[in-house]
Every structure is written in C-alpha cells, then in structure tokens.
Amino acid sequence: PKLKERQMQTQVEVEEALKREREREHLQQHANEMQRKKLMMEQEARSLLRLQEKRDEGLKLRQQAEEMHARAVAAEKAELERKRNTRVKELTSHNETTQLERREKLRMGFRQST
C-alpha cells in the first residue's frame, strides 16, 4: 500500500512537473513572439522614419528648385524690362531728334522761300 501510494504521489509530481514545463514553454513562446513583434515594429518605425526623411529632403530640394526657378524668371523679366526701357528711350530720343530736324528743315525752307 505504501509503495502504491508513493507511486501515485510520484505520478502526480511527474504530471505536475510536466504541466509546469508545458506552461513554462508556453510562456517562453509567448515572450519570444512578443520580442519578435517588438523588433518588427522597431524596424518598421525606422523604415517609416527613413521614408519621412527622404520625403522631407525631396520636398526641400523641390522648394529650392522652385525658388531658383522663380529667381531666374524674375531676373529674366527684369532684364527684358531693362532692355525695353532702353529701347523706349532710344526711340524717344530718335523721334525727338527727327522732329527737331524736320522743324529745322521747314524753317530753312520757309526762309528760303521768302
């Protein structure tokens, strides 16, 4: 009877030990899965951060290009305006000179006829 009782107690202890081992393995698997998920999330966060940095850099470069283009257009417009103003002054001066010459010729012609 004592032997049977001891065998039963040993059987219960073995079953409890196996149960504890299964629980420990289950907890270890869960911990491993959580660690894997954590690492994946950290990797994804770094990847998203790199993408955001590249996007920000692209936007910055685009803005710089647009500003350079705007300055170039403004400079070209200013140059065309300067050339236009120079041409207007030249034509005005030429017209004034021509008008003075005509008046002088008319006066000379009028003097000669009298």
C-alpha atoms as a PDB file:
ATOM      1  CA  PRO A   1       0.000   0.000   0.000  1.00  0.00           C
ATOM      2  CA  LYS A   2       2.749   2.460   0.848  1.00  0.00           C
ATOM      3  CA  LEU A   3       4.527   1.602  -2.365  1.00  0.00           C
ATOM      4  CA  LYS A   4       1.385   2.174  -4.372  1.00  0.00           C
ATOM      5  CA  GLU A   5       0.784   5.440  -2.517  1.00  0.00           C
ATOM      6  CA  ARG A   6       4.342   6.533  -3.223  1.00  0.00           C
ATOM      7  CA  GLN A   7       3.969   5.582  -6.904  1.00  0.00           C
ATOM      8  CA  MET A   8       0.733   7.595  -7.076  1.00  0.00           C
ATOM      9  CA  GLN A   9       2.422  10.565  -5.408  1.00  0.00           C
ATOM     10  CA  THR A  10       5.373  10.279  -7.820  1.00  0.00           C
ATOM     11  CA  GLN A  11       2.936  10.039 -10.733  1.00  0.00           C
ATOM     12  CA  VAL A  12       1.178  13.250  -9.561  1.00  0.00           C
ATOM     13  CA  GLU A  13       4.521  15.011  -9.083  1.00  0.00           C
ATOM     14  CA  VAL A  14       5.632  13.958 -12.570  1.00  0.00           C
ATOM     15  CA  GLU A  15       2.360  15.168 -14.084  1.00  0.00           C
ATOM     16  CA  GLU A  16       2.628  18.476 -12.207  1.00  0.00           C
ATOM     17  CA  ALA A  17       6.244  18.886 -13.322  1.00  0.00           C
ATOM     18  CA  LEU A  18       5.209  18.181 -16.933  1.00  0.00           C
ATOM     19  CA  LYS A  19       2.353  20.662 -16.593  1.00  0.00           C
ATOM     20  CA  ARG A  20       4.735  23.313 -15.194  1.00  0.00           C
ATOM     21  CA  GLU A  21       7.194  22.595 -18.051  1.00  0.00           C
ATOM     22  CA  ARG A  22       4.423  22.968 -20.670  1.00  0.00           C
ATOM     23  CA  GLU A  23       3.334  26.246 -19.044  1.00  0.00           C
ATOM     24  CA  ARG A  24       6.943  27.478 -18.967  1.00  0.00           C
ATOM     25  CA  GLU A  25       7.382  26.569 -22.667  1.00  0.00           C
ATOM     26  CA  HIS A  26       4.112  28.299 -23.487  1.00  0.00           C
ATOM     27  CA  LEU A  27       5.221  31.451 -21.633  1.00  0.00           C
ATOM     28  CA  GLN A  28       8.615  31.301 -23.355  1.00  0.00           C
ATOM     29  CA  GLN A  29       6.937  31.010 -26.791  1.00  0.00           C
ATOM     30  CA  HIS A  30       4.707  33.959 -25.918  1.00  0.00           C
ATOM     31  CA  ALA A  31       7.742  36.008 -24.798  1.00  0.00           C
ATOM     32  CA  ASN A  32       9.588  35.082 -27.999  1.00  0.00           C
ATOM     33  CA  GLU A  33       6.584  36.107 -30.110  1.00  0.00           C
ATOM     34  CA  MET A  34       6.290  39.431 -28.263  1.00  0.00           C
ATOM     35  CA  GLN A  35      10.018  40.080 -28.758  1.00  0.00           C
ATOM     36  CA  ARG A  36       9.698  39.257 -32.472  1.00  0.00           C
ATOM     37  CA  LYS A  37       6.739  41.641 -32.817  1.00  0.00           C
ATOM     38  CA  LYS A  38       8.626  44.350 -30.930  1.00  0.00           C
ATOM     39  CA  LEU A  39      11.625  44.005 -33.240  1.00  0.00           C
ATOM     40  CA  MET A  40       9.389  44.108 -36.317  1.00  0.00           C
ATOM     41  CA  MET A  41       7.652  47.245 -35.046  1.00  0.00           C
ATOM     42  CA  GLU A  42      11.001  48.925 -34.326  1.00  0.00           C
ATOM     43  CA  GLN A  43      12.226  48.014 -37.811  1.00  0.00           C
ATOM     44  CA  GLU A  44       9.028  49.370 -39.356  1.00  0.00           C
ATOM     45  CA  ALA A  45       9.359  52.581 -37.325  1.00  0.00           C
ATOM     46  CA  ARG A  46      12.950  53.061 -38.556  1.00  0.00           C
ATOM     47  CA  SER A  47      11.831  52.376 -42.113  1.00  0.00           C
ATOM     48  CA  LEU A  48       8.998  54.907 -41.837  1.00  0.00           C
ATOM     49  CA  LEU A  49      11.381  57.439 -40.336  1.00  0.00           C
ATOM     50  CA  ARG A  50      13.802  56.977 -43.248  1.00  0.00           C
ATOM     51  CA  LEU A  51      10.929  57.365 -45.712  1.00  0.00           C
ATOM     52  CA  GLN A  52       9.798  60.549 -43.957  1.00  0.00           C
ATOM     53  CA  GLU A  53      13.347  61.921 -44.009  1.00  0.00           C
ATOM     54  CA  LYS A  54      13.641  61.164 -47.737  1.00  0.00           C
ATOM     55  CA  ARG A  55      10.243  62.773 -48.352  1.00  0.00           C
ATOM     56  CA  ASP A  56      11.250  65.862 -46.369  1.00  0.00           C
ATOM     57  CA  GLU A  57      14.539  66.060 -48.260  1.00  0.00           C
ATOM     58  CA  GLY A  58      12.708  65.726 -51.578  1.00  0.00           C
ATOM     59  CA  LEU A  59      10.281  68.477 -50.614  1.00  0.00           C
ATOM     60  CA  LYS A  60      13.181  70.691 -49.541  1.00  0.00           C
ATOM     61  CA  LEU A  61      15.009  70.107 -52.842  1.00  0.00           C
ATOM     62  CA  ARG A  62      11.816  70.760 -54.779  1.00  0.00           C
ATOM     63  CA  GLN A  63      11.232  74.006 -52.887  1.00  0.00           C
ATOM     64  CA  GLN A  64      14.824  75.075 -53.549  1.00  0.00           C
ATOM     65  CA  ALA A  65      14.395  74.307 -57.258  1.00  0.00           C
ATOM     66  CA  GLU A  66      11.156  76.283 -57.379  1.00  0.00           C
ATOM     67  CA  GLU A  67      12.825  79.237 -55.633  1.00  0.00           C
ATOM     68  CA  MET A  68      15.773  79.120 -58.042  1.00  0.00           C
ATOM     69  CA  HIS A  69      13.367  78.992 -60.987  1.00  0.00           C
ATOM     70  CA  ALA A  70      11.373  81.928 -59.599  1.00  0.00           C
ATOM     71  CA  ARG A  71      14.582  83.960 -59.169  1.00  0.00           C
ATOM     72  CA  ALA A  72      15.685  83.095 -62.708  1.00  0.00           C
ATOM     73  CA  VAL A  73      12.290  84.093 -64.124  1.00  0.00           C
ATOM     74  CA  ALA A  74      12.347  87.339 -62.120  1.00  0.00           C
ATOM     75  CA  ALA A  75      15.886  88.102 -63.315  1.00  0.00           C
ATOM     76  CA  GLU A  76      14.916  87.401 -66.924  1.00  0.00           C
ATOM     77  CA  LYS A  77      11.812  89.568 -66.574  1.00  0.00           C
ATOM     78  CA  ALA A  78      13.896  92.395 -65.077  1.00  0.00           C
ATOM     79  CA  GLU A  79      16.413  92.111 -67.931  1.00  0.00           C
ATOM     80  CA  LEU A  80      13.642  92.230 -70.546  1.00  0.00           C
ATOM     81  CA  GLU A  81      12.117  95.263 -68.799  1.00  0.00           C
ATOM     82  CA  ARG A  82      15.514  96.984 -68.737  1.00  0.00           C
ATOM     83  CA  LYS A  83      16.032  96.280 -72.458  1.00  0.00           C
ATOM     84  CA  ARG A  84      12.508  97.503 -73.204  1.00  0.00           C
ATOM     85  CA  ASN A  85      13.101 100.723 -71.259  1.00  0.00           C
ATOM     86  CA  THR A  86      16.418 101.264 -73.050  1.00  0.00           C
ATOM     87  CA  ARG A  87      14.730 100.757 -76.423  1.00  0.00           C
ATOM     88  CA  VAL A  88      11.902 103.146 -75.499  1.00  0.00           C
ATOM     89  CA  LYS A  89      14.472 105.803 -74.529  1.00  0.00           C
ATOM     90  CA  GLU A  90      16.369 105.239 -77.784  1.00  0.00           C
ATOM     91  CA  LEU A  91      13.200 105.539 -79.870  1.00  0.00           C
ATOM     92  CA  THR A  92      12.009 108.594 -77.945  1.00  0.00           C
ATOM     93  CA  SER A  93      15.382 110.276 -78.424  1.00  0.00           C
ATOM     94  CA  HIS A  94      15.422 109.343 -82.114  1.00  0.00           C
ATOM     95  CA  ASN A  95      11.875 110.652 -82.600  1.00  0.00           C
ATOM     96  CA  GLU A  96      12.703 113.899 -80.848  1.00  0.00           C
ATOM     97  CA  THR A  97      15.827 114.339 -82.992  1.00  0.00           C
ATOM     98  CA  THR A  98      13.890 113.579 -86.172  1.00  0.00           C
ATOM     99  CA  GLN A  99      11.160 116.011 -85.171  1.00  0.00           C
ATOM    100  CA  LEU A 100      13.727 118.760 -84.486  1.00  0.00           C
ATOM    101  CA  GLU A 101      15.404 118.113 -87.853  1.00  0.00           C
ATOM    102  CA  ARG A 102      12.039 118.369 -89.654  1.00  0.00           C
ATOM    103  CA  ARG A 103      11.209 121.616 -87.899  1.00  0.00           C
ATOM    104  CA  GLU A 104      14.626 122.990 -88.813  1.00  0.00           C
ATOM    105  CA  LYS A 105      14.191 121.941 -92.464  1.00  0.00           C
ATOM    106  CA  LEU A 106      10.740 123.513 -92.509  1.00  0.00           C
ATOM    107  CA  ARG A 107      12.156 126.739 -91.087  1.00  0.00           C
ATOM    108  CA  MET A 108      15.002 126.743 -93.587  1.00  0.00           C
ATOM    109  CA  GLY A 109      12.599 126.023 -96.396  1.00  0.00           C
ATOM    110  CA  PHE A 110      10.300 128.782 -95.222  1.00  0.00           C
ATOM    111  CA  ARG A 111      13.259 131.237 -95.051  1.00  0.00           C
ATOM    112  CA  GLN A 112      14.450 130.302 -98.498  1.00  0.00           C
ATOM    113  CA  SER A 113      11.042 130.835 -99.999  1.00  0.00           C
ATOM    114  CA  THR A 114      10.845 134.392 -98.648  1.00  0.00           C
END
